[in-house]
N, C-alpha and C. Protein backbone atom coordinates (compact mmCIF):
# COMPACT_ATOMS: atom_id res chain seq x y z
N MET A 1 0.80 -1.04 0.10
CA MET A 1 -0.05 0.04 -0.05
C MET A 1 1.07 1.27 -0.09
N LEU A 2 0.54 2.26 -0.90
CA LEU A 2 1.17 3.62 -0.97
C LEU A 2 0.42 4.53 -0.19
N VAL A 3 1.14 5.17 0.60
CA VAL A 3 0.37 6.62 1.11
C VAL A 3 1.10 7.64 0.85
N ASN A 4 0.14 8.62 0.29
CA ASN A 4 0.86 9.97 -0.39
C ASN A 4 0.00 11.12 0.05
N VAL A 5 0.37 12.30 0.07
CA VAL A 5 -0.34 13.41 0.41
C VAL A 5 -0.20 14.28 -0.79
N PHE A 6 -1.40 14.53 -1.42
CA PHE A 6 -1.51 15.42 -2.54
C PHE A 6 -1.99 16.66 -2.28
N LYS A 7 -1.23 17.76 -2.83
CA LYS A 7 -2.18 19.44 -3.16
C LYS A 7 -2.58 19.40 -4.23
N GLY A 8 -3.43 20.27 -4.37
CA GLY A 8 -4.23 20.30 -5.71
C GLY A 8 -3.41 20.84 -6.79
N ASP A 9 -2.16 21.51 -6.66
CA ASP A 9 -1.50 21.96 -7.66
C ASP A 9 -0.16 21.42 -7.83
N GLN A 10 -0.11 20.20 -7.28
CA GLN A 10 1.27 19.49 -7.42
C GLN A 10 1.30 18.79 -8.85
N SER A 11 2.64 18.88 -9.44
CA SER A 11 2.97 18.30 -10.61
C SER A 11 3.13 16.61 -10.43
N ASP A 12 3.19 15.72 -11.26
CA ASP A 12 3.45 14.50 -11.01
C ASP A 12 5.09 14.36 -10.48
N GLU A 13 5.97 15.21 -10.96
CA GLU A 13 7.13 15.25 -10.38
C GLU A 13 7.08 15.28 -8.76
N GLU A 14 6.47 16.20 -8.38
CA GLU A 14 6.27 16.74 -7.19
C GLU A 14 5.82 15.49 -6.31
N ARG A 15 4.69 15.21 -7.06
CA ARG A 15 4.17 13.84 -6.29
C ARG A 15 5.00 12.73 -6.06
N MET A 16 5.87 12.58 -7.03
CA MET A 16 6.88 11.46 -6.92
C MET A 16 8.02 11.88 -5.90
N ALA A 17 8.22 13.07 -5.93
CA ALA A 17 9.32 13.25 -4.97
C ALA A 17 8.92 13.10 -3.46
N PHE A 18 7.62 13.34 -3.22
CA PHE A 18 7.31 13.20 -1.88
C PHE A 18 6.86 11.64 -1.73
N ALA A 19 6.53 11.03 -2.54
CA ALA A 19 6.20 9.63 -2.50
C ALA A 19 7.75 8.83 -2.20
N ARG A 20 8.79 9.29 -2.71
CA ARG A 20 10.20 8.70 -2.66
C ARG A 20 10.69 8.82 -1.20
N GLN A 21 10.13 9.86 -0.67
CA GLN A 21 10.62 10.22 0.91
C GLN A 21 9.92 9.51 1.71
N LEU A 22 8.72 8.74 1.43
CA LEU A 22 8.14 7.72 2.18
C LEU A 22 8.12 6.27 1.75
N HIS A 23 8.53 6.16 0.84
CA HIS A 23 8.07 4.45 0.19
C HIS A 23 9.65 4.14 -0.32
N GLU A 24 9.43 2.69 -0.51
CA GLU A 24 10.78 2.14 -1.08
C GLU A 24 10.41 2.27 -2.66
N VAL A 25 11.69 1.85 -3.16
CA VAL A 25 11.75 2.08 -4.90
C VAL A 25 10.59 1.18 -5.70
N THR A 26 10.43 0.07 -5.16
CA THR A 26 9.57 -0.82 -5.89
C THR A 26 7.99 -0.05 -5.85
N LEU A 27 7.63 0.28 -4.79
CA LEU A 27 6.34 1.05 -4.90
C LEU A 27 6.28 2.38 -5.68
N CYS A 28 7.39 3.01 -5.47
CA CYS A 28 7.39 4.23 -6.43
C CYS A 28 7.36 4.04 -7.55
N THR A 29 8.09 2.95 -8.18
CA THR A 29 7.91 2.38 -9.42
C THR A 29 6.50 2.04 -9.87
N GLN A 30 5.83 1.47 -8.99
CA GLN A 30 4.55 1.15 -9.52
C GLN A 30 3.53 2.39 -9.42
N PHE A 31 3.75 3.39 -8.69
CA PHE A 31 3.14 4.75 -8.41
C PHE A 31 3.50 5.39 -9.62
N GLN A 32 4.67 5.24 -10.15
CA GLN A 32 5.15 6.30 -11.68
C GLN A 32 4.14 5.34 -12.74
N GLN A 33 4.05 3.93 -12.66
CA GLN A 33 3.54 3.54 -13.83
C GLN A 33 1.96 3.87 -13.76
N GLU A 34 1.39 3.92 -12.73
CA GLU A 34 0.00 4.43 -12.45
C GLU A 34 -0.33 5.59 -12.94
N LEU A 35 0.65 6.37 -12.76
CA LEU A 35 0.41 7.97 -12.94
C LEU A 35 0.54 8.05 -14.50
N ASP A 36 1.59 7.32 -15.24
CA ASP A 36 1.67 7.28 -16.48
C ASP A 36 0.51 6.69 -17.20
N GLN A 37 -0.04 5.76 -16.82
CA GLN A 37 -1.44 5.19 -17.19
C GLN A 37 -2.47 5.95 -17.26
N GLY A 38 -2.49 6.80 -16.23
CA GLY A 38 -3.68 7.63 -15.98
C GLY A 38 -3.55 8.59 -17.19
N TYR A 39 -2.49 9.09 -17.25
CA TYR A 39 -2.05 10.14 -18.16
C TYR A 39 -2.58 9.83 -19.67
N GLU A 40 -2.14 8.48 -20.01
CA GLU A 40 -2.33 7.90 -21.40
C GLU A 40 -3.99 7.87 -21.73
N VAL A 41 -4.73 7.42 -20.45
CA VAL A 41 -6.02 7.23 -20.67
C VAL A 41 -6.61 8.84 -20.70
N PHE A 42 -6.11 9.76 -20.18
CA PHE A 42 -6.63 11.11 -20.30
C PHE A 42 -6.38 11.50 -21.35
N ARG A 43 -5.15 11.20 -22.14
CA ARG A 43 -4.96 11.95 -23.48
C ARG A 43 -5.98 10.96 -24.47
N ALA A 44 -6.07 9.79 -24.31
CA ALA A 44 -7.15 8.94 -25.15
C ALA A 44 -8.39 9.56 -25.18
N ILE A 45 -9.03 9.84 -23.84
CA ILE A 45 -10.40 10.60 -23.84
C ILE A 45 -10.53 11.85 -24.37
N VAL A 46 -9.36 12.68 -24.28
CA VAL A 46 -9.56 13.99 -24.88
C VAL A 46 -9.30 13.91 -26.57
N ALA A 47 -8.34 13.01 -26.99
CA ALA A 47 -8.39 12.84 -28.60
C ALA A 47 -9.74 12.39 -29.02
N ALA A 48 -10.33 11.52 -28.34
CA ALA A 48 -11.75 10.93 -28.54
C ALA A 48 -12.80 12.19 -28.71
N LYS A 49 -12.85 12.80 -27.82
CA LYS A 49 -13.73 14.10 -28.06
C LYS A 49 -13.62 15.01 -28.99
N HIS A 50 -12.11 15.30 -29.29
CA HIS A 50 -11.84 16.09 -30.35
C HIS A 50 -12.27 15.22 -31.76
N GLU A 51 -12.40 13.96 -31.82
CA GLU A 51 -13.03 13.30 -33.06
C GLU A 51 -14.42 13.63 -33.33
N GLU A 52 -15.13 13.82 -32.36
CA GLU A 52 -16.99 13.99 -32.31
C GLU A 52 -17.10 14.99 -33.02
């Protein structure tokens, strides 16, 4: 389980920096992958809306 504290205006880089202070490398790697996947889904949704 990964615990992190988010602020509304944090960048992904800031989120990762804070996560690295709290967690081991394997959890941070998984968290980075999840952030990347979320961004890819967001881009796909935006692209689909532009095609409408």
